[in-house]
Amino acid sequence: MSEIPGDLKFQKSHEWVRVEQDGTVTVGISDHAQAALGDLVYVELPEVGTEVTAGNSAAVVESVKAASDIYAPVSGTVTEVNNALSDKPETINEDAYGDGWIFKLKISDKTELDDLLGPDEYAVEIENEDH
C-alpha cells in the first residue's frame, strides 16, 4: 500500500493538495497514481497566472504507458510551477509528495477544500479501486 501523508487532501482522480502556511496550495499526484502510470517521461505544466477551476484539467503527465490529465483539486490562480519537472519528470515517480509537486495555486474559494478526501478516505478509495 502506498504511503499517504496525513497533512494532505485528495481528489478521487488522485491529485493531492497541501495547504501551505501562506495560504497557497501545492498540487501533485499521489504515490498510488504515479505507480499506476509507470515511468513518467513528460510533464506539461500550466502557465503561471492561469486561472484553473476545480475538476478541470490543469496539467498533463505522460508516462511510457499513457498520457493523463492532472485536474485542479480547487479553483484558483497558478502562482508557481515546478520547472524542474521539464528536465526530470521522473522526480514525480521518486518523490510524489515532495520534490515531485506540479504547481501551486492561490486558492479562490477555501470551502472547496472541504469537498476533498482526507488521507483515510483516500486510502479506502484506492483500496476499493484495486478490488
Protein backbone atom coordinates (compact mmCIF):
# COMPACT_ATOMS: atom_id res chain seq x y z
CA MET A 1 0.00 0.00 0.00
CA SER A 2 1.22 3.48 -0.87
CA GLU A 3 2.22 5.80 1.92
CA ILE A 4 -0.29 8.62 2.39
CA PRO A 5 0.88 11.71 4.32
CA GLY A 6 -1.60 12.91 6.93
CA ASP A 7 -1.37 16.61 6.03
CA LEU A 8 -2.80 16.22 2.52
CA LYS A 9 -6.26 16.27 0.94
CA PHE A 10 -7.06 14.22 -2.17
CA GLN A 11 -9.34 14.09 -5.18
CA LYS A 12 -10.74 10.76 -6.33
CA SER A 13 -8.74 11.33 -9.54
CA HIS A 14 -5.53 11.02 -7.41
CA GLU A 15 -4.35 14.63 -7.18
CA TRP A 16 -3.23 15.83 -3.76
CA VAL A 17 -3.29 19.26 -2.13
CA ARG A 18 -1.15 20.60 0.68
CA VAL A 19 -2.24 23.91 2.23
CA GLU A 20 0.89 25.96 2.89
CA GLN A 21 1.36 28.43 5.76
CA ASP A 22 0.96 31.41 3.41
CA GLY A 23 -2.46 30.13 2.32
CA THR A 24 -1.39 28.91 -1.11
CA VAL A 25 -1.86 25.28 -2.04
CA THR A 26 0.64 22.90 -3.60
CA VAL A 27 -0.72 20.29 -6.03
CA GLY A 28 0.73 16.98 -7.17
CA ILE A 29 -0.33 13.42 -7.93
CA SER A 30 -0.42 10.65 -5.38
CA ASP A 31 2.13 7.92 -4.98
CA HIS A 32 -0.62 5.48 -5.99
CA ALA A 33 -1.19 7.42 -9.25
CA GLN A 34 2.48 7.63 -10.21
CA ALA A 35 2.88 3.89 -9.54
CA ALA A 36 -0.14 3.12 -11.75
CA LEU A 37 1.16 5.36 -14.53
CA GLY A 38 4.67 3.94 -14.52
CA ASP A 39 7.80 5.85 -15.50
CA LEU A 40 6.93 9.45 -16.30
CA VAL A 41 8.63 10.87 -19.39
CA TYR A 42 6.99 14.28 -19.84
CA VAL A 43 5.06 16.86 -17.82
CA GLU A 44 3.06 19.69 -19.40
CA LEU A 45 2.88 22.42 -16.78
CA PRO A 46 0.28 25.18 -16.63
CA GLU A 47 1.35 28.79 -17.20
CA VAL A 48 1.87 30.98 -14.14
CA GLY A 49 -1.13 33.31 -13.93
CA THR A 50 -3.56 30.76 -15.40
CA GLU A 51 -6.96 30.60 -13.71
CA VAL A 52 -7.94 27.00 -13.02
CA THR A 53 -11.31 25.61 -11.96
CA ALA A 54 -11.77 22.70 -9.58
CA GLY A 55 -12.28 19.49 -11.52
CA ASN A 56 -10.88 20.84 -14.80
CA SER A 57 -7.61 19.79 -16.41
CA ALA A 58 -4.69 21.98 -15.33
CA ALA A 59 -1.64 19.96 -16.45
CA VAL A 60 -0.72 16.73 -18.24
CA VAL A 61 1.71 13.95 -17.35
CA GLU A 62 2.88 11.38 -19.86
CA SER A 63 4.32 8.01 -18.97
CA VAL A 64 5.59 5.15 -21.06
CA LYS A 65 2.01 3.77 -20.77
CA ALA A 66 -0.30 6.77 -21.24
CA ALA A 67 -0.95 10.49 -21.04
CA SER A 68 -3.12 11.64 -18.13
CA ASP A 69 -4.74 14.93 -17.31
CA ILE A 70 -3.98 16.43 -13.92
CA TYR A 71 -7.15 18.03 -12.60
CA ALA A 72 -7.19 21.09 -10.38
CA PRO A 73 -8.42 19.94 -6.95
CA VAL A 74 -9.51 23.50 -6.13
CA SER A 75 -10.08 26.71 -8.10
CA GLY A 76 -7.52 29.49 -8.15
CA THR A 77 -4.63 31.17 -9.93
CA VAL A 78 -1.39 29.34 -10.70
CA THR A 79 1.37 31.15 -8.79
CA GLU A 80 4.28 28.78 -9.40
CA VAL A 81 5.13 25.68 -11.43
CA ASN A 82 7.78 23.06 -10.80
CA ASN A 83 10.01 23.78 -13.81
CA ALA A 84 12.49 21.10 -12.67
CA LEU A 85 9.97 18.53 -13.91
CA SER A 86 10.55 19.66 -17.52
CA ASP A 87 14.06 18.21 -17.37
CA LYS A 88 13.39 15.44 -14.86
CA PRO A 89 9.73 14.27 -14.92
CA GLU A 90 10.72 11.08 -13.11
CA THR A 91 11.02 13.21 -9.93
CA ILE A 92 7.27 12.56 -9.54
CA ASN A 93 7.96 8.80 -9.52
CA GLU A 94 10.75 9.24 -6.98
CA ASP A 95 9.13 11.75 -4.59
CA ALA A 96 5.42 12.21 -5.38
CA TYR A 97 4.68 14.11 -2.15
CA GLY A 98 7.88 16.18 -2.01
CA ASP A 99 10.06 17.37 -4.90
CA GLY A 100 7.54 15.91 -7.36
CA TRP A 101 4.91 18.63 -6.77
CA ILE A 102 3.49 20.02 -10.02
CA PHE A 103 2.09 23.51 -9.39
CA LYS A 104 0.99 25.95 -6.69
CA LEU A 105 -2.24 27.92 -6.55
CA LYS A 106 -3.61 30.97 -4.83
CA ILE A 107 -6.92 29.40 -3.90
CA SER A 108 -10.05 31.40 -4.73
CA ASP A 109 -12.55 29.51 -2.55
CA LYS A 110 -11.20 27.77 0.55
CA THR A 111 -14.51 25.94 1.09
CA GLU A 112 -13.62 23.74 -1.92
CA LEU A 113 -11.03 22.06 0.33
CA ASP A 114 -13.96 20.60 2.28
CA ASP A 115 -15.00 18.63 -0.83
CA LEU A 116 -11.69 16.74 -0.94
CA LEU A 117 -10.91 13.42 0.71
CA GLY A 118 -8.84 13.14 3.86
CA PRO A 119 -5.95 10.62 3.93
CA ASP A 120 -8.07 7.84 5.46
CA GLU A 121 -10.93 8.35 3.00
CA TYR A 122 -8.45 8.35 0.12
CA ALA A 123 -6.89 5.09 1.40
CA VAL A 124 -10.34 3.48 1.32
CA GLU A 125 -10.93 4.88 -2.18
CA ILE A 126 -7.76 3.35 -3.65
CA GLU A 127 -8.34 0.10 -1.78
CA ASN A 128 -11.83 -0.15 -3.33
CA GLU A 129 -10.38 0.73 -6.74
CA ASP A 130 -7.95 -2.18 -6.54
CA HIS A 131 -10.77 -4.70 -5.99
